[in-house]
Amino acid sequence: MNAEDAAVILAAIGDSWPAALVVIAGVIGFIAYKALPLLKDIRDKTEAVHHETQNNSGSTMKDAVDRTETAVADLAAKLDTHLTESEEFKASVRAEIDTREAALRADIARPFWRR
């Protein structure tokens, strides 16, 4: 049923407004009846999305996102620790190189017969 069909029906009814109201109510009811499966489908999909966005036993998307956020935070902390330790190690190696280089330069600066 489309708008043209409704216009034909209303033209057939004529000036009887109670009959026109019945026809309009029938058209609205028909449209609602046809829309019910679509509305049920929308409701089911909305419930599925709602289920996925709530925490439960660990199988939803929300649970996976929470686990990922925790893992990323742990990795960031480990990376910060590693970088700090790496800088400290690099500084200690640089200090050891400087010490040995200074000793070697001092040794080279002395005449070989006084070594």
PDB file of N, CA and C in Angstrom:
ATOM      1  N   MET A   1       0.853  -1.171   0.000  1.00  0.00           N
ATOM      2  CA  MET A   1       0.000   0.000   0.000  1.00  0.00           C
ATOM      3  C   MET A   1       0.895   1.228   0.000  1.00  0.00           C
ATOM      4  N   ASN A   2       0.531   2.183  -0.838  1.00  0.00           N
ATOM      5  CA  ASN A   2       1.288   3.421  -0.894  1.00  0.00           C
ATOM      6  C   ASN A   2       0.330   4.600  -0.783  1.00  0.00           C
ATOM      7  N   ALA A   3       0.857   5.805  -0.983  1.00  0.00           N
ATOM      8  CA  ALA A   3       0.048   7.016  -0.827  1.00  0.00           C
ATOM      9  C   ALA A   3      -1.055   7.084  -1.878  1.00  0.00           C
ATOM     10  N   GLU A   4      -0.802   6.598  -3.081  1.00  0.00           N
ATOM     11  CA  GLU A   4      -1.825   6.632  -4.135  1.00  0.00           C
ATOM     12  C   GLU A   4      -3.000   5.731  -3.781  1.00  0.00           C
ATOM     13  N   ASP A   5      -2.706   4.546  -3.238  1.00  0.00           N
ATOM     14  CA  ASP A   5      -3.777   3.638  -2.829  1.00  0.00           C
ATOM     15  C   ASP A   5      -4.633   4.273  -1.741  1.00  0.00           C
ATOM     16  N   ALA A   6      -3.975   4.939  -0.783  1.00  0.00           N
ATOM     17  CA  ALA A   6      -4.720   5.597   0.289  1.00  0.00           C
ATOM     18  C   ALA A   6      -5.576   6.713  -0.271  1.00  0.00           C
ATOM     19  N   ALA A   7      -5.086   7.450  -1.255  1.00  0.00           N
ATOM     20  CA  ALA A   7      -5.860   8.533  -1.867  1.00  0.00           C
ATOM     21  C   ALA A   7      -7.084   7.977  -2.587  1.00  0.00           C
ATOM     22  N   VAL A   8      -6.933   6.855  -3.260  1.00  0.00           N
ATOM     23  CA  VAL A   8      -8.061   6.229  -3.959  1.00  0.00           C
ATOM     24  C   VAL A   8      -9.119   5.797  -2.949  1.00  0.00           C
ATOM     25  N   ILE A   9      -8.682   5.204  -1.853  1.00  0.00           N
ATOM     26  CA  ILE A   9      -9.626   4.758  -0.821  1.00  0.00           C
ATOM     27  C   ILE A   9     -10.351   5.953  -0.211  1.00  0.00           C
ATOM     28  N   LEU A  10      -9.618   7.015   0.083  1.00  0.00           N
ATOM     29  CA  LEU A  10     -10.242   8.208   0.665  1.00  0.00           C
ATOM     30  C   LEU A  10     -11.224   8.852  -0.320  1.00  0.00           C
ATOM     31  N   ALA A  11     -10.907   8.828  -1.604  1.00  0.00           N
ATOM     32  CA  ALA A  11     -11.829   9.375  -2.607  1.00  0.00           C
ATOM     33  C   ALA A  11     -13.110   8.548  -2.663  1.00  0.00           C
ATOM     34  N   ALA A  12     -12.991   7.226  -2.495  1.00  0.00           N
ATOM     35  CA  ALA A  12     -14.157   6.356  -2.518  1.00  0.00           C
ATOM     36  C   ALA A  12     -15.034   6.581  -1.292  1.00  0.00           C
ATOM     37  N   ILE A  13     -14.425   6.938  -0.183  1.00  0.00           N
ATOM     38  CA  ILE A  13     -15.190   7.162   1.051  1.00  0.00           C
ATOM     39  C   ILE A  13     -16.021   8.438   0.923  1.00  0.00           C
ATOM     40  N   GLY A  14     -15.446   9.423   0.292  1.00  0.00           N
ATOM     41  CA  GLY A  14     -16.183  10.672   0.092  1.00  0.00           C
ATOM     42  C   GLY A  14     -16.099  11.568   1.297  1.00  0.00           C
ATOM     43  N   ASP A  15     -17.250  12.154   1.677  1.00  0.00           N
ATOM     44  CA  ASP A  15     -17.302  13.136   2.750  1.00  0.00           C
ATOM     45  C   ASP A  15     -17.542  12.521   4.123  1.00  0.00           C
ATOM     46  N   SER A  16     -17.546  11.252   4.247  1.00  0.00           N
ATOM     47  CA  SER A  16     -17.819  10.607   5.532  1.00  0.00           C
ATOM     48  C   SER A  16     -16.550  10.604   6.369  1.00  0.00           C
ATOM     49  N   TRP A  17     -16.406  11.569   7.259  1.00  0.00           N
ATOM     50  CA  TRP A  17     -15.187  11.664   8.045  1.00  0.00           C
ATOM     51  C   TRP A  17     -15.004  10.514   9.027  1.00  0.00           C
ATOM     52  N   PRO A  18     -16.074   9.930   9.633  1.00  0.00           N
ATOM     53  CA  PRO A  18     -15.829   8.764  10.496  1.00  0.00           C
ATOM     54  C   PRO A  18     -15.226   7.595   9.708  1.00  0.00           C
ATOM     55  N   ALA A  19     -15.690   7.409   8.494  1.00  0.00           N
ATOM     56  CA  ALA A  19     -15.135   6.334   7.671  1.00  0.00           C
ATOM     57  C   ALA A  19     -13.686   6.651   7.301  1.00  0.00           C
ATOM     58  N   ALA A  20     -13.414   7.929   7.053  1.00  0.00           N
ATOM     59  CA  ALA A  20     -12.042   8.333   6.733  1.00  0.00           C
ATOM     60  C   ALA A  20     -11.114   8.065   7.914  1.00  0.00           C
ATOM     61  N   LEU A  21     -11.583   8.350   9.127  1.00  0.00           N
ATOM     62  CA  LEU A  21     -10.772   8.067  10.322  1.00  0.00           C
ATOM     63  C   LEU A  21     -10.497   6.579  10.468  1.00  0.00           C
ATOM     64  N   VAL A  22     -11.500   5.760  10.170  1.00  0.00           N
ATOM     65  CA  VAL A  22     -11.316   4.304  10.251  1.00  0.00           C
ATOM     66  C   VAL A  22     -10.278   3.859   9.232  1.00  0.00           C
ATOM     67  N   VAL A  23     -10.355   4.411   8.024  1.00  0.00           N
ATOM     68  CA  VAL A  23      -9.382   4.040   6.993  1.00  0.00           C
ATOM     69  C   VAL A  23      -7.980   4.492   7.393  1.00  0.00           C
ATOM     70  N   ILE A  24      -7.873   5.720   7.900  1.00  0.00           N
ATOM     71  CA  ILE A  24      -6.564   6.230   8.327  1.00  0.00           C
ATOM     72  C   ILE A  24      -6.012   5.381   9.471  1.00  0.00           C
ATOM     73  N   ALA A  25      -6.865   5.034  10.436  1.00  0.00           N
ATOM     74  CA  ALA A  25      -6.427   4.175  11.536  1.00  0.00           C
ATOM     75  C   ALA A  25      -5.991   2.813  11.008  1.00  0.00           C
ATOM     76  N   GLY A  26      -6.710   2.316  10.007  1.00  0.00           N
ATOM     77  CA  GLY A  26      -6.333   1.034   9.409  1.00  0.00           C
ATOM     78  C   GLY A  26      -4.992   1.107   8.711  1.00  0.00           C
ATOM     79  N   VAL A  27      -4.762   2.208   7.988  1.00  0.00           N
ATOM     80  CA  VAL A  27      -3.473   2.387   7.297  1.00  0.00           C
ATOM     81  C   VAL A  27      -2.349   2.474   8.321  1.00  0.00           C
ATOM     82  N   ILE A  28      -2.562   3.257   9.368  1.00  0.00           N
ATOM     83  CA  ILE A  28      -1.539   3.369  10.419  1.00  0.00           C
ATOM     84  C   ILE A  28      -1.296   2.011  11.078  1.00  0.00           C
ATOM     85  N   GLY A  29      -2.370   1.268  11.343  1.00  0.00           N
ATOM     86  CA  GLY A  29      -2.213  -0.072  11.917  1.00  0.00           C
ATOM     87  C   GLY A  29      -1.464  -1.003  10.988  1.00  0.00           C
ATOM     88  N   PHE A  30      -1.755  -0.909   9.690  1.00  0.00           N
ATOM     89  CA  PHE A  30      -1.054  -1.748   8.718  1.00  0.00           C
ATOM     90  C   PHE A  30       0.437  -1.416   8.694  1.00  0.00           C
ATOM     91  N   ILE A  31       0.748  -0.127   8.708  1.00  0.00           N
ATOM     92  CA  ILE A  31       2.154   0.297   8.718  1.00  0.00           C
ATOM     93  C   ILE A  31       2.848  -0.197   9.991  1.00  0.00           C
ATOM     94  N   ALA A  32       2.171  -0.074  11.114  1.00  0.00           N
ATOM     95  CA  ALA A  32       2.753  -0.539  12.379  1.00  0.00           C
ATOM     96  C   ALA A  32       2.957  -2.045  12.348  1.00  0.00           C
ATOM     97  N   TYR A  33       1.973  -2.779  11.782  1.00  0.00           N
ATOM     98  CA  TYR A  33       2.093  -4.232  11.698  1.00  0.00           C
ATOM     99  C   TYR A  33       3.286  -4.628  10.833  1.00  0.00           C
ATOM    100  N   LYS A  34       3.487  -3.923   9.723  1.00  0.00           N
ATOM    101  CA  LYS A  34       4.633  -4.213   8.856  1.00  0.00           C
ATOM    102  C   LYS A  34       5.955  -3.825   9.522  1.00  0.00           C
ATOM    103  N   ALA A  35       5.922  -2.829  10.405  1.00  0.00           N
ATOM    104  CA  ALA A  35       7.149  -2.354  11.042  1.00  0.00           C
ATOM    105  C   ALA A  35       7.554  -3.207  12.239  1.00  0.00           C
ATOM    106  N   LEU A  36       6.652  -4.018  12.772  1.00  0.00           N
ATOM    107  CA  LEU A  36       6.965  -4.802  13.973  1.00  0.00           C
ATOM    108  C   LEU A  36       8.193  -5.697  13.818  1.00  0.00           C
ATOM    109  N   PRO A  37       8.348  -6.458  12.733  1.00  0.00           N
ATOM    110  CA  PRO A  37       9.556  -7.285  12.608  1.00  0.00           C
ATOM    111  C   PRO A  37      10.833  -6.436  12.589  1.00  0.00           C
ATOM    112  N   LEU A  38      10.767  -5.287  11.921  1.00  0.00           N
ATOM    113  CA  LEU A  38      11.921  -4.400  11.881  1.00  0.00           C
ATOM    114  C   LEU A  38      12.232  -3.863  13.279  1.00  0.00           C
ATOM    115  N   LEU A  39      11.198  -3.470  14.000  1.00  0.00           N
ATOM    116  CA  LEU A  39      11.403  -2.973  15.363  1.00  0.00           C
ATOM    117  C   LEU A  39      11.965  -4.063  16.274  1.00  0.00           C
ATOM    118  N   LYS A  40      11.479  -5.302  16.110  1.00  0.00           N
ATOM    119  CA  LYS A  40      12.013  -6.412  16.910  1.00  0.00           C
ATOM    120  C   LYS A  40      13.489  -6.641  16.580  1.00  0.00           C
ATOM    121  N   ASP A  41      13.829  -6.560  15.290  1.00  0.00           N
ATOM    122  CA  ASP A  41      15.214  -6.726  14.872  1.00  0.00           C
ATOM    123  C   ASP A  41      16.094  -5.622  15.469  1.00  0.00           C
ATOM    124  N   ILE A  42      15.607  -4.389  15.439  1.00  0.00           N
ATOM    125  CA  ILE A  42      16.353  -3.281  16.032  1.00  0.00           C
ATOM    126  C   ILE A  42      16.530  -3.496  17.525  1.00  0.00           C
ATOM    127  N   ARG A  43      15.479  -3.944  18.212  1.00  0.00           N
ATOM    128  CA  ARG A  43      15.570  -4.205  19.646  1.00  0.00           C
ATOM    129  C   ARG A  43      16.594  -5.304  19.944  1.00  0.00           C
ATOM    130  N   ASP A  44      16.567  -6.372  19.156  1.00  0.00           N
ATOM    131  CA  ASP A  44      17.521  -7.473  19.366  1.00  0.00           C
ATOM    132  C   ASP A  44      18.960  -7.005  19.166  1.00  0.00           C
ATOM    133  N   LYS A  45      19.192  -6.204  18.127  1.00  0.00           N
ATOM    134  CA  LYS A  45      20.543  -5.711  17.872  1.00  0.00           C
ATOM    135  C   LYS A  45      20.990  -4.750  18.971  1.00  0.00           C
ATOM    136  N   THR A  46      20.067  -3.938  19.447  1.00  0.00           N
ATOM    137  CA  THR A  46      20.391  -3.018  20.541  1.00  0.00           C
ATOM    138  C   THR A  46      20.739  -3.790  21.808  1.00  0.00           C
ATOM    139  N   GLU A  47      19.997  -4.851  22.084  1.00  0.00           N
ATOM    140  CA  GLU A  47      20.310  -5.680  23.257  1.00  0.00           C
ATOM    141  C   GLU A  47      21.682  -6.336  23.116  1.00  0.00           C
ATOM    142  N   ALA A  48      22.026  -6.771  21.897  1.00  0.00           N
ATOM    143  CA  ALA A  48      23.335  -7.392  21.678  1.00  0.00           C
ATOM    144  C   ALA A  48      24.450  -6.380  21.903  1.00  0.00           C
ATOM    145  N   VAL A  49      24.252  -5.152  21.404  1.00  0.00           N
ATOM    146  CA  VAL A  49      25.263  -4.113  21.614  1.00  0.00           C
ATOM    147  C   VAL A  49      25.371  -3.787  23.103  1.00  0.00           C
ATOM    148  N   HIS A  50      24.237  -3.690  23.776  1.00  0.00           N
ATOM    149  CA  HIS A  50      24.244  -3.408  25.219  1.00  0.00           C
ATOM    150  C   HIS A  50      24.991  -4.508  25.972  1.00  0.00           C
ATOM    151  N   HIS A  51      24.760  -5.753  25.584  1.00  0.00           N
ATOM    152  CA  HIS A  51      25.440  -6.880  26.237  1.00  0.00           C
ATOM    153  C   HIS A  51      26.952  -6.772  26.056  1.00  0.00           C
ATOM    154  N   GLU A  52      27.394  -6.398  24.851  1.00  0.00           N
ATOM    155  CA  GLU A  52      28.831  -6.318  24.572  1.00  0.00           C
ATOM    156  C   GLU A  52      29.507  -5.161  25.295  1.00  0.00           C
ATOM    157  N   THR A  53      28.739  -4.151  25.689  1.00  0.00           N
ATOM    158  CA  THR A  53      29.342  -2.986  26.346  1.00  0.00           C
ATOM    159  C   THR A  53      29.283  -3.066  27.859  1.00  0.00           C
ATOM    160  N   GLN A  54      28.873  -4.204  28.398  1.00  0.00           N
ATOM    161  CA  GLN A  54      28.832  -4.410  29.851  1.00  0.00           C
ATOM    162  C   GLN A  54      29.840  -5.498  30.227  1.00  0.00           C
ATOM    163  N   ASN A  55      30.436  -5.368  31.402  1.00  0.00           N
ATOM    164  CA  ASN A  55      31.340  -6.414  31.878  1.00  0.00           C
ATOM    165  C   ASN A  55      30.524  -7.644  32.279  1.00  0.00           C
ATOM    166  N   ASN A  56      31.054  -8.807  31.966  1.00  0.00           N
ATOM    167  CA  ASN A  56      30.444 -10.053  32.443  1.00  0.00           C
ATOM    168  C   ASN A  56      31.559 -11.052  32.715  1.00  0.00           C
ATOM    169  N   SER A  57      31.451 -12.221  32.240  1.00  0.00           N
ATOM    170  CA  SER A  57      32.413 -13.275  32.577  1.00  0.00           C
ATOM    171  C   SER A  57      33.731 -13.163  31.826  1.00  0.00           C
ATOM    172  N   GLY A  58      33.899 -12.140  31.029  1.00  0.00           N
ATOM    173  CA  GLY A  58      35.158 -11.963  30.322  1.00  0.00           C
ATOM    174  C   GLY A  58      35.063 -12.163  28.835  1.00  0.00           C
ATOM    175  N   SER A  59      33.879 -12.417  28.321  1.00  0.00           N
ATOM    176  CA  SER A  59      33.758 -12.711  26.898  1.00  0.00           C
ATOM    177  C   SER A  59      33.235 -11.539  26.074  1.00  0.00           C
ATOM    178  N   THR A  60      32.970 -10.397  26.688  1.00  0.00           N
ATOM    179  CA  THR A  60      32.439  -9.274  25.924  1.00  0.00           C
ATOM    180  C   THR A  60      33.561  -8.364  25.438  1.00  0.00           C
ATOM    181  N   MET A  61      33.199  -7.486  24.519  1.00  0.00           N
ATOM    182  CA  MET A  61      34.157  -6.519  24.002  1.00  0.00           C
ATOM    183  C   MET A  61      34.654  -5.602  25.121  1.00  0.00           C
ATOM    184  N   LYS A  62      33.780  -5.242  26.030  1.00  0.00           N
ATOM    185  CA  LYS A  62      34.155  -4.367  27.145  1.00  0.00           C
ATOM    186  C   LYS A  62      35.242  -5.041  27.986  1.00  0.00           C
ATOM    187  N   ASP A  63      35.079  -6.331  28.252  1.00  0.00           N
ATOM    188  CA  ASP A  63      36.096  -7.067  29.013  1.00  0.00           C
ATOM    189  C   ASP A  63      37.426  -7.091  28.249  1.00  0.00           C
ATOM    190  N   ALA A  64      37.360  -7.298  26.940  1.00  0.00           N
ATOM    191  CA  ALA A  64      38.585  -7.332  26.133  1.00  0.00           C
ATOM    192  C   ALA A  64      39.277  -5.972  26.139  1.00  0.00           C
ATOM    193  N   VAL A  65      38.500  -4.905  26.050  1.00  0.00           N
ATOM    194  CA  VAL A  65      39.082  -3.558  26.090  1.00  0.00           C
ATOM    195  C   VAL A  65      39.726  -3.306  27.452  1.00  0.00           C
ATOM    196  N   ASP A  66      39.050  -3.725  28.518  1.00  0.00           N
ATOM    197  CA  ASP A  66      39.619  -3.552  29.856  1.00  0.00           C
ATOM    198  C   ASP A  66      40.935  -4.312  29.997  1.00  0.00           C
ATOM    199  N   ARG A  67      40.973  -5.550  29.487  1.00  0.00           N
ATOM    200  CA  ARG A  67      42.213  -6.331  29.557  1.00  0.00           C
ATOM    201  C   ARG A  67      43.317  -5.671  28.738  1.00  0.00           C
ATOM    202  N   THR A  68      42.958  -5.151  27.582  1.00  0.00           N
ATOM    203  CA  THR A  68      43.948  -4.491  26.733  1.00  0.00           C
ATOM    204  C   THR A  68      44.496  -3.237  27.411  1.00  0.00           C
ATOM    205  N   GLU A  69      43.623  -2.447  28.014  1.00  0.00           N
ATOM    206  CA  GLU A  69      44.081  -1.246  28.716  1.00  0.00           C
ATOM    207  C   GLU A  69      45.037  -1.609  29.852  1.00  0.00           C
ATOM    208  N   THR A  70      44.719  -2.653  30.591  1.00  0.00           N
ATOM    209  CA  THR A  70      45.588  -3.086  31.684  1.00  0.00           C
ATOM    210  C   THR A  70      46.935  -3.557  31.145  1.00  0.00           C
ATOM    211  N   ALA A  71      46.912  -4.326  30.063  1.00  0.00           N
ATOM    212  CA  ALA A  71      48.156  -4.825  29.476  1.00  0.00           C
ATOM    213  C   ALA A  71      49.012  -3.675  28.947  1.00  0.00           C
ATOM    214  N   VAL A  72      48.389  -2.693  28.332  1.00  0.00           N
ATOM    215  CA  VAL A  72      49.135  -1.546  27.808  1.00  0.00           C
ATOM    216  C   VAL A  72      49.751  -0.754  28.958  1.00  0.00           C
ATOM    217  N   ALA A  73      49.004  -0.573  30.041  1.00  0.00           N
ATOM    218  CA  ALA A  73      49.545   0.146  31.199  1.00  0.00           C
ATOM    219  C   ALA A  73      50.733  -0.610  31.792  1.00  0.00           C
ATOM    220  N   ASP A  74      50.631  -1.938  31.888  1.00  0.00           N
ATOM    221  CA  ASP A  74      51.746  -2.750  32.404  1.00  0.00           C
ATOM    222  C   ASP A  74      52.974  -2.632  31.489  1.00  0.00           C
ATOM    223  N   LEU A  75      52.739  -2.710  30.184  1.00  0.00           N
ATOM    224  CA  LEU A  75      53.856  -2.588  29.243  1.00  0.00           C
ATOM    225  C   LEU A  75      54.497  -1.203  29.311  1.00  0.00           C
ATOM    226  N   ALA A  76      53.685  -0.177  29.475  1.00  0.00           N
ATOM    227  CA  ALA A  76      54.230   1.181  29.587  1.00  0.00           C
ATOM    228  C   ALA A  76      55.098   1.308  30.832  1.00  0.00           C
ATOM    229  N   ALA A  77      54.663   0.724  31.945  1.00  0.00           N
ATOM    230  CA  ALA A  77      55.454   0.766  33.176  1.00  0.00           C
ATOM    231  C   ALA A  77      56.766   0.000  32.994  1.00  0.00           C
ATOM    232  N   LYS A  78      56.701  -1.169  32.363  1.00  0.00           N
ATOM    233  CA  LYS A  78      57.920  -1.947  32.124  1.00  0.00           C
ATOM    234  C   LYS A  78      58.878  -1.201  31.197  1.00  0.00           C
ATOM    235  N   LEU A  79      58.328  -0.545  30.174  1.00  0.00           N
ATOM    236  CA  LEU A  79      59.167   0.211  29.256  1.00  0.00           C
ATOM    237  C   LEU A  79      59.839   1.378  29.975  1.00  0.00           C
ATOM    238  N   ASP A  80      59.099   2.077  30.817  1.00  0.00           N
ATOM    239  CA  ASP A  80      59.698   3.177  31.589  1.00  0.00           C
ATOM    240  C   ASP A  80      60.829   2.663  32.473  1.00  0.00           C
ATOM    241  N   THR A  81      60.604   1.537  33.141  1.00  0.00           N
ATOM    242  CA  THR A  81      61.641   0.940  33.987  1.00  0.00           C
ATOM    243  C   THR A  81      62.855   0.560  33.144  1.00  0.00           C
ATOM    244  N   HIS A  82      62.609  -0.062  32.004  1.00  0.00           N
ATOM    245  CA  HIS A  82      63.706  -0.477  31.126  1.00  0.00           C
ATOM    246  C   HIS A  82      64.508   0.736  30.647  1.00  0.00           C
ATOM    247  N   LEU A  83      63.820   1.787  30.250  1.00  0.00           N
ATOM    248  CA  LEU A  83      64.522   2.975  29.767  1.00  0.00           C
ATOM    249  C   LEU A  83      65.353   3.616  30.874  1.00  0.00           C
ATOM    250  N   THR A  84      64.820   3.659  32.078  1.00  0.00           N
ATOM    251  CA  THR A  84      65.559   4.216  33.209  1.00  0.00           C
ATOM    252  C   THR A  84      66.803   3.376  33.485  1.00  0.00           C
ATOM    253  N   GLU A  85      66.623   2.051  33.532  1.00  0.00           N
ATOM    254  CA  GLU A  85      67.761   1.163  33.768  1.00  0.00           C
ATOM    255  C   GLU A  85      68.784   1.270  32.636  1.00  0.00           C
ATOM    256  N   SER A  86      68.302   1.411  31.412  1.00  0.00           N
ATOM    257  CA  SER A  86      69.199   1.529  30.275  1.00  0.00           C
ATOM    258  C   SER A  86      70.031   2.805  30.372  1.00  0.00           C
ATOM    259  N   GLU A  87      69.399   3.908  30.737  1.00  0.00           N
ATOM    260  CA  GLU A  87      70.140   5.166  30.899  1.00  0.00           C
ATOM    261  C   GLU A  87      71.163   5.057  32.029  1.00  0.00           C
ATOM    262  N   GLU A  88      70.788   4.409  33.128  1.00  0.00           N
ATOM    263  CA  GLU A  88      71.722   4.235  34.245  1.00  0.00           C
ATOM    264  C   GLU A  88      72.898   3.362  33.820  1.00  0.00           C
ATOM    265  N   PHE A  89      72.616   2.281  33.077  1.00  0.00           N
ATOM    266  CA  PHE A  89      73.684   1.402  32.612  1.00  0.00           C
ATOM    267  C   PHE A  89      74.595   2.147  31.644  1.00  0.00           C
ATOM    268  N   LYS A  90      73.991   2.913  30.733  1.00  0.00           N
ATOM    269  CA  LYS A  90      74.782   3.674  29.774  1.00  0.00           C
ATOM    270  C   LYS A  90      75.676   4.683  30.495  1.00  0.00           C
ATOM    271  N   ALA A  91      75.165   5.314  31.529  1.00  0.00           N
ATOM    272  CA  ALA A  91      75.972   6.274  32.293  1.00  0.00           C
ATOM    273  C   ALA A  91      77.119   5.566  33.006  1.00  0.00           C
ATOM    274  N   SER A  92      76.863   4.371  33.561  1.00  0.00           N
ATOM    275  CA  SER A  92      77.936   3.654  34.255  1.00  0.00           C
ATOM    276  C   SER A  92      79.003   3.180  33.270  1.00  0.00           C
ATOM    277  N   VAL A  93      78.584   2.740  32.075  1.00  0.00           N
ATOM    278  CA  VAL A  93      79.545   2.322  31.048  1.00  0.00           C
ATOM    279  C   VAL A  93      80.365   3.529  30.593  1.00  0.00           C
ATOM    280  N   ARG A  94      79.722   4.677  30.397  1.00  0.00           N
ATOM    281  CA  ARG A  94      80.434   5.888  29.993  1.00  0.00           C
ATOM    282  C   ARG A  94      81.445   6.286  31.059  1.00  0.00           C
ATOM    283  N   ALA A  95      81.068   6.180  32.352  1.00  0.00           N
ATOM    284  CA  ALA A  95      81.989   6.518  33.434  1.00  0.00           C
ATOM    285  C   ALA A  95      83.190   5.565  33.438  1.00  0.00           C
ATOM    286  N   GLU A  96      82.936   4.271  33.227  1.00  0.00           N
ATOM    287  CA  GLU A  96      84.018   3.290  33.184  1.00  0.00           C
ATOM    288  C   GLU A  96      84.945   3.567  32.003  1.00  0.00           C
ATOM    289  N   ILE A  97      84.391   3.894  30.849  1.00  0.00           N
ATOM    290  CA  ILE A  97      85.218   4.221  29.674  1.00  0.00           C
ATOM    291  C   ILE A  97      86.055   5.459  29.954  1.00  0.00           C
ATOM    292  N   ASP A  98      85.442   6.484  30.542  1.00  0.00           N
ATOM    293  CA  ASP A  98      86.185   7.711  30.851  1.00  0.00           C
ATOM    294  C   ASP A  98      87.325   7.435  31.822  1.00  0.00           C
ATOM    295  N   THR A  99      87.052   6.593  32.846  1.00  0.00           N
ATOM    296  CA  THR A  99      88.093   6.256  33.825  1.00  0.00           C
ATOM    297  C   THR A  99      89.246   5.528  33.149  1.00  0.00           C
ATOM    298  N   ARG A 100      88.941   4.539  32.345  1.00  0.00           N
ATOM    299  CA  ARG A 100      89.992   3.767  31.673  1.00  0.00           C
ATOM    300  C   ARG A 100      90.727   4.614  30.641  1.00  0.00           C
ATOM    301  N   GLU A 101      89.998   5.472  29.966  1.00  0.00           N
ATOM    302  CA  GLU A 101      90.636   6.345  28.987  1.00  0.00           C
ATOM    303  C   GLU A 101      91.583   7.331  29.669  1.00  0.00           C
ATOM    304  N   ALA A 102      91.163   7.870  30.806  1.00  0.00           N
ATOM    305  CA  ALA A 102      92.026   8.788  31.549  1.00  0.00           C
ATOM    306  C   ALA A 102      93.282   8.071  32.034  1.00  0.00           C
ATOM    307  N   ALA A 103      93.104   6.818  32.518  1.00  0.00           N
ATOM    308  CA  ALA A 103      94.267   6.049  32.975  1.00  0.00           C
ATOM    309  C   ALA A 103      95.206   5.747  31.811  1.00  0.00           C
ATOM    310  N   LEU A 104      94.651   5.416  30.672  1.00  0.00           N
ATOM    311  CA  LEU A 104      95.456   5.118  29.501  1.00  0.00           C
ATOM    312  C   LEU A 104      96.194   6.368  29.017  1.00  0.00           C
ATOM    313  N   ARG A 105      95.541   7.502  29.007  1.00  0.00           N
ATOM    314  CA  ARG A 105      96.190   8.751  28.596  1.00  0.00           C
ATOM    315  C   ARG A 105      97.318   9.107  29.569  1.00  0.00           C
ATOM    316  N   ALA A 106      97.047   8.886  30.852  1.00  0.00           N
ATOM    317  CA  ALA A 106      98.094   9.174  31.844  1.00  0.00           C
ATOM    318  C   ALA A 106      99.272   8.230  31.642  1.00  0.00           C
ATOM    319  N   ASP A 107      98.988   6.978  31.333  1.00  0.00           N
ATOM    320  CA  ASP A 107     100.052   6.001  31.111  1.00  0.00           C
ATOM    321  C   ASP A 107     100.853   6.348  29.858  1.00  0.00           C
ATOM    322  N   ILE A 108     100.168   6.799  28.837  1.00  0.00           N
ATOM    323  CA  ILE A 108     100.848   7.161  27.591  1.00  0.00           C
ATOM    324  C   ILE A 108     101.696   8.419  27.792  1.00  0.00           C
ATOM    325  N   ALA A 109     101.218   9.317  28.618  1.00  0.00           N
ATOM    326  CA  ALA A 109     101.942  10.575  28.832  1.00  0.00           C
ATOM    327  C   ALA A 109     103.270  10.364  29.554  1.00  0.00           C
ATOM    328  N   ARG A 110     103.405   9.308  30.351  1.00  0.00           N
ATOM    329  CA  ARG A 110     104.676   9.035  31.042  1.00  0.00           C
ATOM    330  C   ARG A 110     105.672   8.437  30.071  1.00  0.00           C
ATOM    331  N   PRO A 111     106.897   8.759  30.239  1.00  0.00           N
ATOM    332  CA  PRO A 111     107.912   8.126  29.386  1.00  0.00           C
ATOM    333  C   PRO A 111     107.908   6.612  29.612  1.00  0.00           C
ATOM    334  N   PHE A 112     108.236   5.872  28.578  1.00  0.00           N
ATOM    335  CA  PHE A 112     108.139   4.411  28.678  1.00  0.00           C
ATOM    336  C   PHE A 112     109.119   3.829  29.712  1.00  0.00           C
ATOM    337  N   TRP A 113     110.215   4.495  29.986  1.00  0.00           N
ATOM    338  CA  TRP A 113     111.165   3.950  30.956  1.00  0.00           C
ATOM    339  C   TRP A 113     110.703   4.159  32.391  1.00  0.00           C
ATOM    340  N   ARG A 114     109.638   4.960  32.623  1.00  0.00           N
ATOM    341  CA  ARG A 114     109.148   5.174  33.980  1.00  0.00           C
ATOM    342  C   ARG A 114     107.850   4.404  34.224  1.00  0.00           C
ATOM    343  N   ARG A 115     107.497   3.568  33.350  1.00  0.00           N
ATOM    344  CA  ARG A 115     106.244   2.828  33.518  1.00  0.00           C
ATOM    345  C   ARG A 115     106.408   1.678  34.431  1.00  0.00           C
TER     346      ARG A 115
END
